[in-house]
C-alpha atoms as a PDB file:
ATOM      1  CA  MET A   1    -251.432  46.206 116.573  1.00  0.00           C
ATOM      2  CA  ALA A   2    -250.024  47.801 113.540  1.00  0.00           C
ATOM      3  CA  GLU A   3    -247.150  49.794 113.074  1.00  0.00           C
ATOM      4  CA  ALA A   4    -247.544  53.165 111.640  1.00  0.00           C
ATOM      5  CA  PRO A   5    -245.205  54.428 108.563  1.00  0.00           C
ATOM      6  CA  ALA A   6    -242.430  56.421 109.346  1.00  0.00           C
ATOM      7  CA  THR A   7    -242.356  60.134 108.833  1.00  0.00           C
ATOM      8  CA  SER A   8    -240.070  62.795 108.598  1.00  0.00           C
ATOM      9  CA  GLU A   9    -240.295  65.395 110.829  1.00  0.00           C
ATOM     10  CA  THR A  10    -239.534  67.718 108.199  1.00  0.00           C
ATOM     11  CA  THR A  11    -242.330  68.961 105.924  1.00  0.00           C
ATOM     12  CA  GLY A  12    -239.673  71.442 104.383  1.00  0.00           C
ATOM     13  CA  VAL A  13    -239.600  71.333 100.253  1.00  0.00           C
ATOM     14  CA  PRO A  14    -237.346  68.910  99.110  1.00  0.00           C
ATOM     15  CA  ALA A  15    -233.688  69.769  98.367  1.00  0.00           C
ATOM     16  CA  LYS A  16    -232.771  71.698  95.226  1.00  0.00           C
ATOM     17  CA  HIS A  17    -232.364  69.507  91.889  1.00  0.00           C
ATOM     18  CA  GLU A  18    -231.246  70.639  88.422  1.00  0.00           C
ATOM     19  CA  ALA A  19    -234.696  71.685  86.319  1.00  0.00           C
ATOM     20  CA  ALA A  20    -235.014  68.825  83.638  1.00  0.00           C
ATOM     21  CA  GLY A  21    -235.250  70.135  80.269  1.00  0.00           C
ATOM     22  CA  PHE A  22    -233.706  69.702  76.670  1.00  0.00           C
ATOM     23  CA  PRO A  23    -229.427  70.297  77.197  1.00  0.00           C
ATOM     24  CA  PRO A  24    -229.364  72.621  74.222  1.00  0.00           C
ATOM     25  CA  PHE A  25    -231.934  74.929  75.425  1.00  0.00           C
ATOM     26  CA  LYS A  26    -230.309  75.152  78.932  1.00  0.00           C
ATOM     27  CA  THR A  27    -229.200  78.676  79.069  1.00  0.00           C
ATOM     28  CA  GLU A  28    -226.390  77.652  81.154  1.00  0.00           C
ATOM     29  CA  THR A  29    -224.504  75.711  78.394  1.00  0.00           C
ATOM     30  CA  PHE A  30    -224.932  78.176  74.945  1.00  0.00           C
ATOM     31  CA  PRO A  31    -221.468  79.640  75.768  1.00  0.00           C
ATOM     32  CA  SER A  32    -219.750  76.089  75.240  1.00  0.00           C
ATOM     33  CA  GLN A  33    -222.014  74.903  72.349  1.00  0.00           C
ATOM     34  CA  LEU A  34    -221.402  78.003  70.659  1.00  0.00           C
ATOM     35  CA  PHE A  35    -217.729  77.032  71.112  1.00  0.00           C
ATOM     36  CA  TRP A  36    -217.866  73.336  70.163  1.00  0.00           C
ATOM     37  CA  LEU A  37    -220.339  74.483  66.644  1.00  0.00           C
ATOM     38  CA  ALA A  38    -217.718  77.003  65.546  1.00  0.00           C
ATOM     39  CA  ILE A  39    -215.042  74.204  65.848  1.00  0.00           C
ATOM     40  CA  THR A  40    -217.413  71.836  64.318  1.00  0.00           C
ATOM     41  CA  PHE A  41    -218.240  73.718  61.385  1.00  0.00           C
ATOM     42  CA  GLY A  42    -214.902  75.006  60.998  1.00  0.00           C
ATOM     43  CA  PHE A  43    -213.757  71.201  60.429  1.00  0.00           C
ATOM     44  CA  LEU A  44    -216.395  70.513  58.301  1.00  0.00           C
ATOM     45  CA  PHE A  45    -216.013  73.666  55.990  1.00  0.00           C
ATOM     46  CA  THR A  46    -212.272  72.945  55.785  1.00  0.00           C
ATOM     47  CA  VAL A  47    -212.944  68.967  55.334  1.00  0.00           C
ATOM     48  CA  LEU A  48    -215.144  69.904  52.113  1.00  0.00           C
ATOM     49  CA  TRP A  49    -213.136  72.931  50.952  1.00  0.00           C
ATOM     50  CA  ARG A  50    -210.032  70.766  50.814  1.00  0.00           C
ATOM     51  CA  ALA A  51    -211.089  67.530  49.915  1.00  0.00           C
ATOM     52  CA  ALA A  52    -214.794  67.412  48.674  1.00  0.00           C
ATOM     53  CA  GLY A  53    -214.506  70.402  46.857  1.00  0.00           C
ATOM     54  CA  PRO A  54    -212.069  69.494  44.084  1.00  0.00           C
ATOM     55  CA  LYS A  55    -214.190  66.426  43.665  1.00  0.00           C
ATOM     56  CA  ILE A  56    -217.256  67.765  43.581  1.00  0.00           C
ATOM     57  CA  ASN A  57    -215.965  70.388  40.989  1.00  0.00           C
ATOM     58  CA  ALA A  58    -214.083  67.808  38.860  1.00  0.00           C
ATOM     59  CA  ALA A  59    -217.166  66.166  38.627  1.00  0.00           C
ATOM     60  CA  ILE A  60    -219.046  69.102  37.370  1.00  0.00           C
ATOM     61  CA  THR A  61    -216.491  69.672  35.103  1.00  0.00           C
ATOM     62  CA  ASN A  62    -216.198  66.296  33.721  1.00  0.00           C
ATOM     63  CA  ARG A  63    -219.887  66.324  33.127  1.00  0.00           C
ATOM     64  CA  ARG A  64    -220.324  69.427  31.711  1.00  0.00           C
ATOM     65  CA  SER A  65    -217.429  68.333  29.457  1.00  0.00           C
ATOM     66  CA  THR A  66    -219.424  65.216  28.567  1.00  0.00           C
ATOM     67  CA  ILE A  67    -222.407  66.979  27.752  1.00  0.00           C
ATOM     68  CA  ASN A  68    -220.946  69.602  25.716  1.00  0.00           C
ATOM     69  CA  GLY A  69    -218.954  66.430  23.769  1.00  0.00           C
ATOM     70  CA  ALA A  70    -222.475  65.052  23.332  1.00  0.00           C
ATOM     71  CA  ILE A  71    -224.442  68.163  22.317  1.00  0.00           C
ATOM     72  CA  ALA A  72    -221.162  68.766  19.338  1.00  0.00           C
ATOM     73  CA  GLU A  73    -221.564  65.217  18.422  1.00  0.00           C
ATOM     74  CA  ALA A  74    -225.434  65.649  17.685  1.00  0.00           C
ATOM     75  CA  GLY A  75    -224.338  68.477  16.062  1.00  0.00           C
ATOM     76  CA  LYS A  76    -222.093  66.547  13.933  1.00  0.00           C
ATOM     77  CA  ALA A  77    -224.676  63.975  13.556  1.00  0.00           C
ATOM     78  CA  LYS A  78    -227.915  66.230  12.813  1.00  0.00           C
ATOM     79  CA  ALA A  79    -225.550  67.580   9.994  1.00  0.00           C
ATOM     80  CA  ASP A  80    -224.491  64.350   8.396  1.00  0.00           C
ATOM     81  CA  ALA A  81    -228.292  63.332   8.497  1.00  0.00           C
ATOM     82  CA  GLU A  82    -229.650  66.600   6.815  1.00  0.00           C
ATOM     83  CA  ALA A  83    -226.701  66.431   4.117  1.00  0.00           C
ATOM     84  CA  ALA A  84    -227.855  62.468   3.549  1.00  0.00           C
ATOM     85  CA  GLN A  85    -231.900  63.671   3.636  1.00  0.00           C
ATOM     86  CA  ALA A  86    -230.677  66.251   0.777  1.00  0.00           C
ATOM     87  CA  GLY A  87    -228.859  63.448  -0.997  1.00  0.00           C
ATOM     88  CA  TYR A  88    -231.857  60.902  -0.501  1.00  0.00           C
ATOM     89  CA  GLU A  89    -234.126  63.645  -1.901  1.00  0.00           C
ATOM     90  CA  ALA A  90    -231.963  64.507  -4.721  1.00  0.00           C
ATOM     91  CA  ALA A  91    -231.825  60.671  -5.766  1.00  0.00           C
ATOM     92  CA  LEU A  92    -235.181  60.677  -5.546  1.00  0.00           C
ATOM     93  CA  ALA A  93    -235.676  63.494  -7.845  1.00  0.00           C
ATOM     94  CA  GLY A  94    -233.533  61.990 -10.158  1.00  0.00           C
ATOM     95  CA  ALA A  95    -235.112  58.736  -9.749  1.00  0.00           C
ATOM     96  CA  ARG A  96    -238.546  60.448 -10.456  1.00  0.00           C
ATOM     97  CA  ALA A  97    -237.474  61.976 -13.815  1.00  0.00           C
ATOM     98  CA  ARG A  98    -235.659  59.258 -14.932  1.00  0.00           C
ATOM     99  CA  GLY A  99    -238.899  57.320 -14.563  1.00  0.00           C
ATOM    100  CA  ASN A 100    -240.986  60.172 -15.743  1.00  0.00           C
ATOM    101  CA  ALA A 101    -239.029  60.412 -18.911  1.00  0.00           C
ATOM    102  CA  LEU A 102    -239.096  56.422 -19.166  1.00  0.00           C
ATOM    103  CA  ALA A 103    -242.526  56.381 -18.965  1.00  0.00           C
ATOM    104  CA  GLU A 104    -243.183  59.235 -21.902  1.00  0.00           C
ATOM    105  CA  GLN A 105    -240.906  57.071 -23.680  1.00  0.00           C
ATOM    106  CA  THR A 106    -242.689  53.872 -23.933  1.00  0.00           C
ATOM    107  CA  ARG A 107    -245.951  55.764 -24.132  1.00  0.00           C
ATOM    108  CA  GLN A 108    -244.761  57.500 -27.396  1.00  0.00           C
ATOM    109  CA  THR A 109    -243.617  53.954 -28.448  1.00  0.00           C
ATOM    110  CA  LEU A 110    -246.425  52.048 -27.426  1.00  0.00           C
ATOM    111  CA  ASN A 111    -248.464  54.928 -29.378  1.00  0.00           C
ATOM    112  CA  ALA A 112    -246.427  54.817 -32.695  1.00  0.00           C
ATOM    113  CA  GLU A 113    -247.121  51.022 -32.140  1.00  0.00           C
ATOM    114  CA  ILE A 114    -250.891  51.411 -31.636  1.00  0.00           C
ATOM    115  CA  ALA A 115    -251.148  53.650 -34.795  1.00  0.00           C
ATOM    116  CA  LYS A 116    -248.732  51.676 -36.936  1.00  0.00           C
ATOM    117  CA  ALA A 117    -251.333  48.569 -36.005  1.00  0.00           C
ATOM    118  CA  LYS A 118    -254.178  50.814 -36.717  1.00  0.00           C
ATOM    119  CA  ALA A 119    -253.057  52.114 -39.992  1.00  0.00           C
ATOM    120  CA  ASP A 120    -252.007  48.036 -40.968  1.00  0.00           C
ATOM    121  CA  ALA A 121    -255.524  46.677 -39.585  1.00  0.00           C
ATOM    122  CA  ASP A 122    -257.169  49.717 -41.539  1.00  0.00           C
ATOM    123  CA  THR A 123    -255.569  49.005 -44.560  1.00  0.00           C
ATOM    124  CA  ARG A 124    -255.615  44.940 -44.278  1.00  0.00           C
ATOM    125  CA  ALA A 125    -259.623  45.840 -43.447  1.00  0.00           C
ATOM    126  CA  ALA A 126    -259.622  47.983 -47.167  1.00  0.00           C
ATOM    127  CA  GLN A 127    -258.122  45.421 -48.806  1.00  0.00           C
ATOM    128  CA  ALA A 128    -260.820  42.927 -47.543  1.00  0.00           C
ATOM    129  CA  MET A 129    -263.744  45.417 -47.971  1.00  0.00           C
ATOM    130  CA  ALA A 130    -262.547  45.713 -51.680  1.00  0.00           C
ATOM    131  CA  ALA A 131    -261.881  41.760 -52.182  1.00  0.00           C
ATOM    132  CA  ALA A 132    -265.615  41.264 -50.766  1.00  0.00           C
ATOM    133  CA  GLU A 133    -266.903  43.919 -52.933  1.00  0.00           C
ATOM    134  CA  ALA A 134    -265.551  42.279 -55.748  1.00  0.00           C
ATOM    135  CA  ARG A 135    -267.093  39.140 -54.556  1.00  0.00           C
ATOM    136  CA  ILE A 136    -270.703  40.501 -54.144  1.00  0.00           C
ATOM    137  CA  ALA A 137    -270.271  42.300 -57.566  1.00  0.00           C
ATOM    138  CA  GLY A 138    -269.261  38.938 -59.102  1.00  0.00           C
ATOM    139  CA  THR A 139    -272.138  37.212 -57.374  1.00  0.00           C
ATOM    140  CA  ARG A 140    -274.515  39.969 -57.749  1.00  0.00           C
ATOM    141  CA  GLU A 141    -273.855  39.567 -62.100  1.00  0.00           C
ATOM    142  CA  SER A 142    -273.723  36.023 -61.791  1.00  0.00           C
ATOM    143  CA  ALA A 143    -277.089  36.049 -60.214  1.00  0.00           C
ATOM    144  CA  LYS A 144    -278.113  38.270 -62.986  1.00  0.00           C
ATOM    145  CA  ALA A 145    -277.141  36.547 -65.305  1.00  0.00           C
ATOM    146  CA  HIS A 146    -278.977  32.877 -63.996  1.00  0.00           C
ATOM    147  CA  VAL A 147    -282.502  35.783 -63.746  1.00  0.00           C
ATOM    148  CA  LYS A 148    -281.936  36.521 -67.002  1.00  0.00           C
ATOM    149  CA  THR A 149    -281.537  32.628 -68.069  1.00  0.00           C
ATOM    150  CA  ALA A 150    -284.378  31.825 -65.560  1.00  0.00           C
ATOM    151  CA  ALA A 151    -286.653  34.256 -67.390  1.00  0.00           C
ATOM    152  CA  ARG A 152    -285.883  33.497 -70.700  1.00  0.00           C
ATOM    153  CA  ASP A 153    -286.048  29.911 -70.164  1.00  0.00           C
ATOM    154  CA  ALA A 154    -289.753  30.393 -68.364  1.00  0.00           C
ATOM    155  CA  ALA A 155    -291.092  32.905 -71.103  1.00  0.00           C
ATOM    156  CA  ILE A 156    -290.263  29.928 -73.539  1.00  0.00           C
ATOM    157  CA  ALA A 157    -292.193  27.517 -71.635  1.00  0.00           C
ATOM    158  CA  ILE A 158    -294.883  30.268 -70.815  1.00  0.00           C
ATOM    159  CA  VAL A 159    -295.173  30.978 -74.886  1.00  0.00           C
ATOM    160  CA  GLU A 160    -295.040  27.459 -75.343  1.00  0.00           C
ATOM    161  CA  ARG A 161    -297.527  26.306 -73.189  1.00  0.00           C
ATOM    162  CA  LEU A 162    -300.351  28.898 -73.948  1.00  0.00           C
ATOM    163  CA  THR A 163    -299.632  29.091 -77.826  1.00  0.00           C
ATOM    164  CA  GLY A 164    -298.031  26.091 -78.251  1.00  0.00           C
ATOM    165  CA  ASP A 165    -295.293  27.708 -80.931  1.00  0.00           C
ATOM    166  CA  LYS A 166    -291.763  27.382 -79.803  1.00  0.00           C
ATOM    167  CA  VAL A 167    -290.008  30.456 -79.611  1.00  0.00           C
ATOM    168  CA  SER A 168    -286.123  30.784 -79.928  1.00  0.00           C
ATOM    169  CA  ALA A 169    -283.935  31.501 -77.313  1.00  0.00           C
ATOM    170  CA  GLU A 170    -282.722  35.115 -78.927  1.00  0.00           C
ATOM    171  CA  ASP A 171    -286.457  36.117 -79.328  1.00  0.00           C
ATOM    172  CA  ALA A 172    -287.056  35.240 -75.654  1.00  0.00           C
ATOM    173  CA  THR A 173    -284.147  37.268 -75.074  1.00  0.00           C
ATOM    174  CA  ALA A 174    -284.941  40.117 -77.078  1.00  0.00           C
ATOM    175  CA  ALA A 175    -288.450  40.246 -75.675  1.00  0.00           C
ATOM    176  CA  LEU A 176    -287.455  40.636 -72.205  1.00  0.00           C
ATOM    177  CA  GLY A 177    -285.517  43.811 -73.060  1.00  0.00           C
ATOM    178  CA  ASN A 178    -282.192  42.748 -72.045  1.00  0.00           C
END
């Protein structure tokens, strides 16, 4: 036979144990928690106020002076850049004026040279036309003389062939009317 498990004769409630839970929420420890909170806060405040505070303040002051210096330097650079731009624009305007004056002078010089060349060409053309007209007039007079001579010789030959009479050159010229 098997033995039965041992049982206690008391069926009462187990002995009183402390309630389990999160220690900061236990109301019995509030006074000691507040005490250590005050001491820790005071210690940290003193450390930050005496040690970290001046370092933070120095870093902020240093950074502020660096930023102010950079802003002042940027303002100076901006003023220098504006002055340089004004100088550049003045130099550019001067260069444009000189360029325009030089272009106008060159244009006037070229126009004068063109007018002179045109006048010279017109004079040469007029001289060439006068010489050509003189040659044409000479050629025309020579041609007229040749035509008169040919007409006289033809008239003499025609009269001689038709009538058989010999006509003199003076008579033939007088008969032609010239």
